Amino acid sequence: MRLDLKAEKRRREQTRTLVEACDRRDCLLSEMNIQVSSCSLALPGCSMTSQKKLQGLVAATVTPMTQDREINLAVIGQYVDYLVNEQGVRSVFVNGTTGEGLSLSIQERKQLAEEWVAKGKEKLDHVIVHVGALSLPESKGLAKHAAEIGVDGIAVIAPSFFKQVNKDALLAFLRDVASEAPGIPFYYYHIPPLTGIQINAEELLDGMTEQIPSFQGVKFSDRNLLDFGRCAAKNSSGQFALLYGVDE
């Protein structure tokens, strides 16, 4: 129990530090008149015609756990109310890095997605669910499930066990996952510091816009500002969203 309490204390301290960093960043970006997305700086882009525009803050949600280390679905409703009423946040990114999605079982990820969609109904503008996995069938299954429960977007991280994947192989993986949810806005989750996949997001943009009709943007979690700037240059007309995910 003592170790659990220490871990919880560290988690709270990290959360407080992140919030303070976000506050400082938001003040600066406000002066620059740049739109922000919570785990993300969002250069605006339009979602699919039938969808609402993705804008404003997007909270990367943590996964609440019980003392028995089971996912705590009972508090998701309170979490939604806190984000909406206390923080003014109406969009969430579920099962990502902050939510430790890749450390959860497939069933747990599905349960969390279902609960966020259910509790966010008529309260949240966007519930975007990360459905990436090392296994293509698992990732496709999560994407199909996300579409069935009515999420507002899906995101996919590059599979990261084999590091020497090339651009074409990565695009094929992303395309196959997106095909399981053809009517759902698709976001590429670019986070090379964790995946180890060193393919610039800018290199993928042309292929994604051509091969993935539902492509709507990139969650860019990297400090390579040259790559980010090139992505922004390709988004001069605001046709997709760029979510900058390095808060500090």
C-alpha atoms as a PDB file:
ATOM      1  CA  MET A   1       0.000   0.000   0.000  1.00  0.00           C
ATOM      2  CA  ARG A   2       2.849   2.389   0.828  1.00  0.00           C
ATOM      3  CA  LEU A   3       4.260   1.967  -2.670  1.00  0.00           C
ATOM      4  CA  ASP A   4       0.845   2.640  -4.182  1.00  0.00           C
ATOM      5  CA  LEU A   5       0.522   5.842  -2.153  1.00  0.00           C
ATOM      6  CA  LYS A   6       3.935   7.008  -3.281  1.00  0.00           C
ATOM      7  CA  ALA A   7       3.039   6.286  -6.886  1.00  0.00           C
ATOM      8  CA  GLU A   8      -0.207   8.215  -6.507  1.00  0.00           C
ATOM      9  CA  LYS A   9       1.686  11.150  -4.991  1.00  0.00           C
ATOM     10  CA  ARG A  10       4.095  11.183  -7.919  1.00  0.00           C
ATOM     11  CA  ARG A  11       1.185  11.014 -10.361  1.00  0.00           C
ATOM     12  CA  ARG A  12      -0.502  13.990  -8.671  1.00  0.00           C
ATOM     13  CA  GLU A  13       2.740  16.000  -8.737  1.00  0.00           C
ATOM     14  CA  GLN A  14       3.232  15.218 -12.417  1.00  0.00           C
ATOM     15  CA  THR A  15      -0.361  16.215 -13.171  1.00  0.00           C
ATOM     16  CA  ARG A  16       0.060  19.505 -11.282  1.00  0.00           C
ATOM     17  CA  THR A  17       3.281  20.247 -13.174  1.00  0.00           C
ATOM     18  CA  LEU A  18       1.560  19.486 -16.479  1.00  0.00           C
ATOM     19  CA  VAL A  19      -1.369  21.775 -15.673  1.00  0.00           C
ATOM     20  CA  GLU A  20       1.013  24.601 -14.738  1.00  0.00           C
ATOM     21  CA  ALA A  21       2.943  24.088 -17.976  1.00  0.00           C
ATOM     22  CA  CYS A  22      -0.286  24.131 -19.980  1.00  0.00           C
ATOM     23  CA  ASP A  23      -1.360  27.363 -18.281  1.00  0.00           C
ATOM     24  CA  ARG A  24       1.936  29.049 -19.170  1.00  0.00           C
ATOM     25  CA  ARG A  25       1.754  27.770 -22.721  1.00  0.00           C
ATOM     26  CA  ASP A  26      -1.864  28.820 -23.184  1.00  0.00           C
ATOM     27  CA  CYS A  27      -1.086  32.400 -22.087  1.00  0.00           C
ATOM     28  CA  LEU A  28       1.733  32.616 -24.615  1.00  0.00           C
ATOM     29  CA  LEU A  29      -0.296  31.108 -27.427  1.00  0.00           C
ATOM     30  CA  SER A  30      -3.231  33.354 -26.621  1.00  0.00           C
ATOM     31  CA  GLU A  31      -0.984  36.372 -27.167  1.00  0.00           C
ATOM     32  CA  MET A  32       0.055  34.872 -30.505  1.00  0.00           C
ATOM     33  CA  ASN A  33      -3.603  34.182 -31.421  1.00  0.00           C
ATOM     34  CA  ILE A  34      -2.881  30.481 -31.951  1.00  0.00           C
ATOM     35  CA  GLN A  35      -5.590  27.914 -31.228  1.00  0.00           C
ATOM     36  CA  VAL A  36      -4.759  25.302 -28.618  1.00  0.00           C
ATOM     37  CA  SER A  37      -5.645  21.656 -28.086  1.00  0.00           C
ATOM     38  CA  SER A  38      -4.880  20.231 -24.699  1.00  0.00           C
ATOM     39  CA  CYS A  39      -2.266  17.593 -25.175  1.00  0.00           C
ATOM     40  CA  SER A  40      -1.997  19.556 -28.304  1.00  0.00           C
ATOM     41  CA  LEU A  41      -1.544  22.864 -29.978  1.00  0.00           C
ATOM     42  CA  ALA A  42      -4.230  22.711 -32.636  1.00  0.00           C
ATOM     43  CA  LEU A  43      -3.758  24.497 -35.900  1.00  0.00           C
ATOM     44  CA  PRO A  44      -7.394  24.454 -36.980  1.00  0.00           C
ATOM     45  CA  GLY A  45      -8.721  22.041 -39.511  1.00  0.00           C
ATOM     46  CA  CYS A  46     -12.160  20.901 -40.502  1.00  0.00           C
ATOM     47  CA  SER A  47     -13.415  17.462 -39.652  1.00  0.00           C
ATOM     48  CA  MET A  48     -15.448  15.455 -42.132  1.00  0.00           C
ATOM     49  CA  THR A  49     -18.514  17.200 -43.465  1.00  0.00           C
ATOM     50  CA  SER A  50     -20.884  15.384 -41.161  1.00  0.00           C
ATOM     51  CA  GLN A  51     -18.710  16.054 -38.121  1.00  0.00           C
ATOM     52  CA  LYS A  52     -18.177  19.066 -35.885  1.00  0.00           C
ATOM     53  CA  LYS A  53     -15.001  21.067 -36.346  1.00  0.00           C
ATOM     54  CA  LEU A  54     -12.186  19.998 -34.025  1.00  0.00           C
ATOM     55  CA  GLN A  55     -11.013  23.064 -32.144  1.00  0.00           C
ATOM     56  CA  GLY A  56     -10.211  24.340 -28.670  1.00  0.00           C
ATOM     57  CA  LEU A  57      -8.788  22.220 -25.899  1.00  0.00           C
ATOM     58  CA  VAL A  58      -8.508  18.450 -26.215  1.00  0.00           C
ATOM     59  CA  ALA A  59      -7.758  16.717 -22.908  1.00  0.00           C
ATOM     60  CA  ALA A  60      -5.545  13.632 -22.971  1.00  0.00           C
ATOM     61  CA  THR A  61      -7.346  11.642 -20.301  1.00  0.00           C
ATOM     62  CA  VAL A  62      -5.745   9.554 -17.574  1.00  0.00           C
ATOM     63  CA  THR A  63      -7.175   6.121 -16.833  1.00  0.00           C
ATOM     64  CA  PRO A  64      -8.645   5.999 -13.317  1.00  0.00           C
ATOM     65  CA  MET A  65      -7.852   2.815 -11.408  1.00  0.00           C
ATOM     66  CA  THR A  66      -9.173   1.217  -8.240  1.00  0.00           C
ATOM     67  CA  GLN A  67      -6.985   0.111  -5.322  1.00  0.00           C
ATOM     68  CA  ASP A  68      -7.173  -3.373  -6.864  1.00  0.00           C
ATOM     69  CA  ARG A  69      -5.672  -1.991 -10.077  1.00  0.00           C
ATOM     70  CA  GLU A  70      -8.830  -2.440 -12.085  1.00  0.00           C
ATOM     71  CA  ILE A  71     -10.075   0.321 -14.367  1.00  0.00           C
ATOM     72  CA  ASN A  72     -12.487   2.530 -12.434  1.00  0.00           C
ATOM     73  CA  LEU A  73     -15.362   3.137 -14.833  1.00  0.00           C
ATOM     74  CA  ALA A  74     -17.552   4.522 -12.052  1.00  0.00           C
ATOM     75  CA  VAL A  75     -15.737   7.874 -12.004  1.00  0.00           C
ATOM     76  CA  ILE A  76     -15.774   8.612 -15.742  1.00  0.00           C
ATOM     77  CA  GLY A  77     -19.012  10.569 -15.444  1.00  0.00           C
ATOM     78  CA  GLN A  78     -17.469  12.778 -12.748  1.00  0.00           C
ATOM     79  CA  TYR A  79     -14.370  13.168 -14.913  1.00  0.00           C
ATOM     80  CA  VAL A  80     -16.498  14.402 -17.833  1.00  0.00           C
ATOM     81  CA  ASP A  81     -18.327  16.892 -15.616  1.00  0.00           C
ATOM     82  CA  TYR A  82     -15.044  18.167 -14.183  1.00  0.00           C
ATOM     83  CA  LEU A  83     -13.555  18.754 -17.634  1.00  0.00           C
ATOM     84  CA  VAL A  84     -16.660  20.468 -18.983  1.00  0.00           C
ATOM     85  CA  ASN A  85     -17.782  22.476 -15.956  1.00  0.00           C
ATOM     86  CA  GLU A  86     -14.491  23.240 -14.199  1.00  0.00           C
ATOM     87  CA  GLN A  87     -12.010  23.376 -17.071  1.00  0.00           C
ATOM     88  CA  GLY A  88     -14.134  24.336 -20.066  1.00  0.00           C
ATOM     89  CA  VAL A  89     -12.842  21.356 -22.041  1.00  0.00           C
ATOM     90  CA  ARG A  90     -15.286  19.672 -24.406  1.00  0.00           C
ATOM     91  CA  SER A  91     -13.051  17.236 -26.308  1.00  0.00           C
ATOM     92  CA  VAL A  92     -11.023  14.275 -25.070  1.00  0.00           C
ATOM     93  CA  PHE A  93      -8.331  11.918 -26.330  1.00  0.00           C
ATOM     94  CA  VAL A  94      -8.859   8.507 -24.709  1.00  0.00           C
ATOM     95  CA  ASN A  95      -6.455   5.555 -24.346  1.00  0.00           C
ATOM     96  CA  GLY A  96      -3.424   7.510 -25.489  1.00  0.00           C
ATOM     97  CA  THR A  97      -0.032   7.799 -23.813  1.00  0.00           C
ATOM     98  CA  THR A  98      -1.385   9.753 -20.835  1.00  0.00           C
ATOM     99  CA  GLY A  99      -4.088   7.121 -20.402  1.00  0.00           C
ATOM    100  CA  GLU A 100      -1.533   4.285 -20.687  1.00  0.00           C
ATOM    101  CA  GLY A 101      -3.643   2.703 -23.407  1.00  0.00           C
ATOM    102  CA  LEU A 102      -0.955   0.313 -24.610  1.00  0.00           C
ATOM    103  CA  SER A 103      -0.588  -1.043 -21.061  1.00  0.00           C
ATOM    104  CA  LEU A 104      -4.272  -1.989 -20.909  1.00  0.00           C
ATOM    105  CA  SER A 105      -5.964  -5.104 -22.232  1.00  0.00           C
ATOM    106  CA  ILE A 106      -8.086  -4.883 -25.373  1.00  0.00           C
ATOM    107  CA  GLN A 107     -11.209  -5.442 -23.280  1.00  0.00           C
ATOM    108  CA  GLU A 108     -10.252  -2.648 -20.882  1.00  0.00           C
ATOM    109  CA  ARG A 109      -9.661  -0.263 -23.775  1.00  0.00           C
ATOM    110  CA  LYS A 110     -13.063  -1.082 -25.220  1.00  0.00           C
ATOM    111  CA  GLN A 111     -14.773  -0.605 -21.862  1.00  0.00           C
ATOM    112  CA  LEU A 112     -13.122   2.784 -21.375  1.00  0.00           C
ATOM    113  CA  ALA A 113     -14.088   3.914 -24.863  1.00  0.00           C
ATOM    114  CA  GLU A 114     -17.690   2.843 -24.299  1.00  0.00           C
ATOM    115  CA  GLU A 115     -17.882   4.670 -20.975  1.00  0.00           C
ATOM    116  CA  TRP A 116     -16.413   7.901 -22.328  1.00  0.00           C
ATOM    117  CA  VAL A 117     -18.848   7.876 -25.249  1.00  0.00           C
ATOM    118  CA  ALA A 118     -21.812   7.114 -22.983  1.00  0.00           C
ATOM    119  CA  LYS A 119     -20.968   9.656 -20.293  1.00  0.00           C
ATOM    120  CA  GLY A 120     -19.869  12.295 -22.796  1.00  0.00           C
ATOM    121  CA  LYS A 121     -23.106  12.198 -24.783  1.00  0.00           C
ATOM    122  CA  GLU A 122     -24.536  15.728 -25.154  1.00  0.00           C
ATOM    123  CA  LYS A 123     -21.680  17.055 -22.978  1.00  0.00           C
ATOM    124  CA  LEU A 124     -18.528  16.516 -25.038  1.00  0.00           C
ATOM    125  CA  ASP A 125     -18.018  17.706 -28.598  1.00  0.00           C
ATOM    126  CA  HIS A 126     -15.418  15.087 -29.473  1.00  0.00           C
ATOM    127  CA  VAL A 127     -14.416  11.743 -28.032  1.00  0.00           C
ATOM    128  CA  ILE A 128     -11.317  10.687 -29.948  1.00  0.00           C
ATOM    129  CA  VAL A 129     -10.104   7.192 -29.108  1.00  0.00           C
ATOM    130  CA  HIS A 130      -6.617   5.856 -29.713  1.00  0.00           C
ATOM    131  CA  VAL A 131      -6.942   2.413 -31.304  1.00  0.00           C
ATOM    132  CA  GLY A 132      -3.316   1.684 -32.164  1.00  0.00           C
ATOM    133  CA  ALA A 133      -1.709  -1.641 -31.214  1.00  0.00           C
ATOM    134  CA  LEU A 134       1.304  -3.745 -32.165  1.00  0.00           C
ATOM    135  CA  SER A 135      -1.038  -6.268 -33.781  1.00  0.00           C
ATOM    136  CA  LEU A 136      -2.857  -5.187 -36.947  1.00  0.00           C
ATOM    137  CA  PRO A 137      -5.919  -7.391 -36.226  1.00  0.00           C
ATOM    138  CA  GLU A 138      -6.185  -5.941 -32.708  1.00  0.00           C
ATOM    139  CA  SER A 139      -5.911  -2.383 -33.989  1.00  0.00           C
ATOM    140  CA  LYS A 140      -8.519  -3.054 -36.674  1.00  0.00           C
ATOM    141  CA  GLY A 141     -10.803  -4.617 -34.077  1.00  0.00           C
ATOM    142  CA  LEU A 142     -10.488  -1.570 -31.830  1.00  0.00           C
ATOM    143  CA  ALA A 143     -11.214   0.730 -34.777  1.00  0.00           C
ATOM    144  CA  LYS A 144     -14.310  -1.240 -35.735  1.00  0.00           C
ATOM    145  CA  HIS A 145     -15.513  -1.223 -32.132  1.00  0.00           C
ATOM    146  CA  ALA A 146     -14.923   2.536 -31.895  1.00  0.00           C
ATOM    147  CA  ALA A 147     -17.045   3.112 -34.987  1.00  0.00           C
ATOM    148  CA  GLU A 148     -19.818   0.890 -33.637  1.00  0.00           C
ATOM    149  CA  ILE A 149     -20.079   2.805 -30.354  1.00  0.00           C
ATOM    150  CA  GLY A 150     -20.129   6.191 -32.067  1.00  0.00           C
ATOM    151  CA  VAL A 151     -16.799   7.878 -31.321  1.00  0.00           C
ATOM    152  CA  ASP A 152     -16.030  11.202 -33.001  1.00  0.00           C
ATOM    153  CA  GLY A 153     -12.573  10.191 -34.167  1.00  0.00           C
ATOM    154  CA  ILE A 154      -9.918   7.502 -33.967  1.00  0.00           C
ATOM    155  CA  ALA A 155      -6.147   7.854 -33.712  1.00  0.00           C
ATOM    156  CA  VAL A 156      -3.461   5.306 -34.517  1.00  0.00           C
ATOM    157  CA  ILE A 157       0.147   5.160 -33.367  1.00  0.00           C
ATOM    158  CA  ALA A 158       2.849   3.519 -35.477  1.00  0.00           C
ATOM    159  CA  PRO A 159       3.464  -0.128 -34.471  1.00  0.00           C
ATOM    160  CA  SER A 160       6.829   0.009 -32.762  1.00  0.00           C
ATOM    161  CA  PHE A 161       8.374  -3.428 -32.204  1.00  0.00           C
ATOM    162  CA  PHE A 162      10.194  -3.532 -35.546  1.00  0.00           C
ATOM    163  CA  LYS A 163      11.908  -0.145 -35.899  1.00  0.00           C
ATOM    164  CA  GLN A 164      12.967  -0.358 -39.549  1.00  0.00           C
ATOM    165  CA  VAL A 165       9.479   0.062 -40.970  1.00  0.00           C
ATOM    166  CA  ASN A 166       9.407   2.222 -44.102  1.00  0.00           C
ATOM    167  CA  LYS A 167       6.908   4.857 -45.177  1.00  0.00           C
ATOM    168  CA  ASP A 168       4.920   2.550 -47.466  1.00  0.00           C
ATOM    169  CA  ALA A 169       4.589  -0.169 -44.817  1.00  0.00           C
ATOM    170  CA  LEU A 170       3.445   2.346 -42.202  1.00  0.00           C
ATOM    171  CA  LEU A 171       0.908   3.877 -44.570  1.00  0.00           C
ATOM    172  CA  ALA A 172      -0.428   0.403 -45.385  1.00  0.00           C
ATOM    173  CA  PHE A 173      -0.865  -0.324 -41.661  1.00  0.00           C
ATOM    174  CA  LEU A 174      -2.674   2.971 -41.061  1.00  0.00           C
ATOM    175  CA  ARG A 175      -4.851   2.526 -44.147  1.00  0.00           C
ATOM    176  CA  ASP A 176      -5.916  -0.966 -43.093  1.00  0.00           C
ATOM    177  CA  VAL A 177      -6.903   0.243 -39.619  1.00  0.00           C
ATOM    178  CA  ALA A 178      -8.778   3.268 -40.963  1.00  0.00           C
ATOM    179  CA  SER A 179     -10.728   1.037 -43.366  1.00  0.00           C
ATOM    180  CA  GLU A 180     -12.495  -0.564 -40.394  1.00  0.00           C
ATOM    181  CA  ALA A 181     -14.058   2.806 -39.511  1.00  0.00           C
ATOM    182  CA  PRO A 182     -14.534   4.492 -42.907  1.00  0.00           C
ATOM    183  CA  GLY A 183     -16.981   7.117 -41.677  1.00  0.00           C
ATOM    184  CA  ILE A 184     -14.945   8.162 -38.641  1.00  0.00           C
ATOM    185  CA  PRO A 185     -12.351  10.984 -38.746  1.00  0.00           C
ATOM    186  CA  PHE A 186      -8.863   9.459 -38.647  1.00  0.00           C
ATOM    187  CA  TYR A 187      -5.810  10.984 -36.936  1.00  0.00           C
ATOM    188  CA  TYR A 188      -2.234   9.754 -37.162  1.00  0.00           C
ATOM    189  CA  TYR A 189      -0.624   9.722 -33.702  1.00  0.00           C
ATOM    190  CA  HIS A 190       2.988  10.765 -34.361  1.00  0.00           C
ATOM    191  CA  ILE A 191       5.173  10.151 -31.297  1.00  0.00           C
ATOM    192  CA  PRO A 192       8.666   8.978 -32.395  1.00  0.00           C
ATOM    193  CA  PRO A 193      10.279   9.470 -28.936  1.00  0.00           C
ATOM    194  CA  LEU A 194       8.217   6.485 -27.748  1.00  0.00           C
ATOM    195  CA  THR A 195       7.737   4.435 -30.917  1.00  0.00           C
ATOM    196  CA  GLY A 196      11.290   4.825 -32.204  1.00  0.00           C
ATOM    197  CA  ILE A 197       9.863   5.101 -35.738  1.00  0.00           C
ATOM    198  CA  GLN A 198      11.864   7.918 -37.341  1.00  0.00           C
ATOM    199  CA  ILE A 199       9.646   8.796 -40.275  1.00  0.00           C
ATOM    200  CA  ASN A 200       8.796  12.483 -40.440  1.00  0.00           C
ATOM    201  CA  ALA A 201       5.091  13.243 -40.246  1.00  0.00           C
ATOM    202  CA  GLU A 202       5.458  15.551 -43.241  1.00  0.00           C
ATOM    203  CA  GLU A 203       6.587  12.596 -45.370  1.00  0.00           C
ATOM    204  CA  LEU A 204       3.364  10.762 -44.573  1.00  0.00           C
ATOM    205  CA  LEU A 205       0.908  13.573 -45.213  1.00  0.00           C
ATOM    206  CA  ASP A 206       0.608  13.213 -48.979  1.00  0.00           C
ATOM    207  CA  GLY A 207       0.176   9.469 -48.756  1.00  0.00           C
ATOM    208  CA  MET A 208      -2.416   9.732 -45.997  1.00  0.00           C
ATOM    209  CA  THR A 209      -4.539  12.334 -47.753  1.00  0.00           C
ATOM    210  CA  GLU A 210      -4.502  10.169 -50.869  1.00  0.00           C
ATOM    211  CA  GLN A 211      -4.904   6.715 -49.321  1.00  0.00           C
ATOM    212  CA  ILE A 212      -7.076   7.403 -46.277  1.00  0.00           C
ATOM    213  CA  PRO A 213     -10.260   9.295 -47.236  1.00  0.00           C
ATOM    214  CA  SER A 214     -11.201   9.763 -43.571  1.00  0.00           C
ATOM    215  CA  PHE A 215      -7.829  11.354 -42.674  1.00  0.00           C
ATOM    216  CA  GLN A 216      -8.389  14.517 -40.642  1.00  0.00           C
ATOM    217  CA  GLY A 217      -5.104  15.333 -38.943  1.00  0.00           C
ATOM    218  CA  VAL A 218      -1.972  14.512 -36.980  1.00  0.00           C
ATOM    219  CA  LYS A 219      -1.417  14.407 -33.232  1.00  0.00           C
ATOM    220  CA  PHE A 220       2.194  15.582 -33.330  1.00  0.00           C
ATOM    221  CA  SER A 221       4.028  14.588 -30.134  1.00  0.00           C
ATOM    222  CA  ASP A 222       7.624  15.362 -31.030  1.00  0.00           C
ATOM    223  CA  ARG A 223      10.061  18.257 -30.567  1.00  0.00           C
ATOM    224  CA  ASN A 224      11.064  18.293 -34.243  1.00  0.00           C
ATOM    225  CA  LEU A 225       9.712  21.761 -35.003  1.00  0.00           C
ATOM    226  CA  LEU A 226      11.123  21.692 -38.527  1.00  0.00           C
ATOM    227  CA  ASP A 227       8.936  18.688 -39.309  1.00  0.00           C
ATOM    228  CA  PHE A 228       5.968  20.338 -37.585  1.00  0.00           C
ATOM    229  CA  GLY A 229       6.523  23.540 -39.553  1.00  0.00           C
ATOM    230  CA  ARG A 230       6.543  21.618 -42.812  1.00  0.00           C
ATOM    231  CA  CYS A 231       3.279  19.938 -41.810  1.00  0.00           C
ATOM    232  CA  ALA A 232       1.814  23.368 -41.057  1.00  0.00           C
ATOM    233  CA  ALA A 233       2.965  24.641 -44.455  1.00  0.00           C
ATOM    234  CA  LYS A 234       1.086  21.779 -46.124  1.00  0.00           C
ATOM    235  CA  ASN A 235      -1.978  22.747 -44.090  1.00  0.00           C
ATOM    236  CA  SER A 236      -2.097  26.357 -45.299  1.00  0.00           C
ATOM    237  CA  SER A 237      -5.771  26.087 -46.184  1.00  0.00           C
ATOM    238  CA  GLY A 238      -6.668  24.401 -42.886  1.00  0.00           C
ATOM    239  CA  GLN A 239      -7.823  21.192 -44.521  1.00  0.00           C
ATOM    240  CA  PHE A 240      -6.766  19.052 -41.556  1.00  0.00           C
ATOM    241  CA  ALA A 241      -5.979  19.474 -37.850  1.00  0.00           C
ATOM    242  CA  LEU A 242      -2.488  19.606 -36.368  1.00  0.00           C
ATOM    243  CA  LEU A 243      -2.472  18.776 -32.668  1.00  0.00           C
ATOM    244  CA  TYR A 244       0.832  19.668 -31.031  1.00  0.00           C
ATOM    245  CA  GLY A 245       1.286  17.271 -28.146  1.00  0.00           C
ATOM    246  CA  VAL A 246       4.475  18.334 -26.332  1.00  0.00           C
ATOM    247  CA  ASP A 247       3.023  20.531 -23.593  1.00  0.00           C
ATOM    248  CA  GLU A 248       6.262  21.653 -21.993  1.00  0.00           C
END
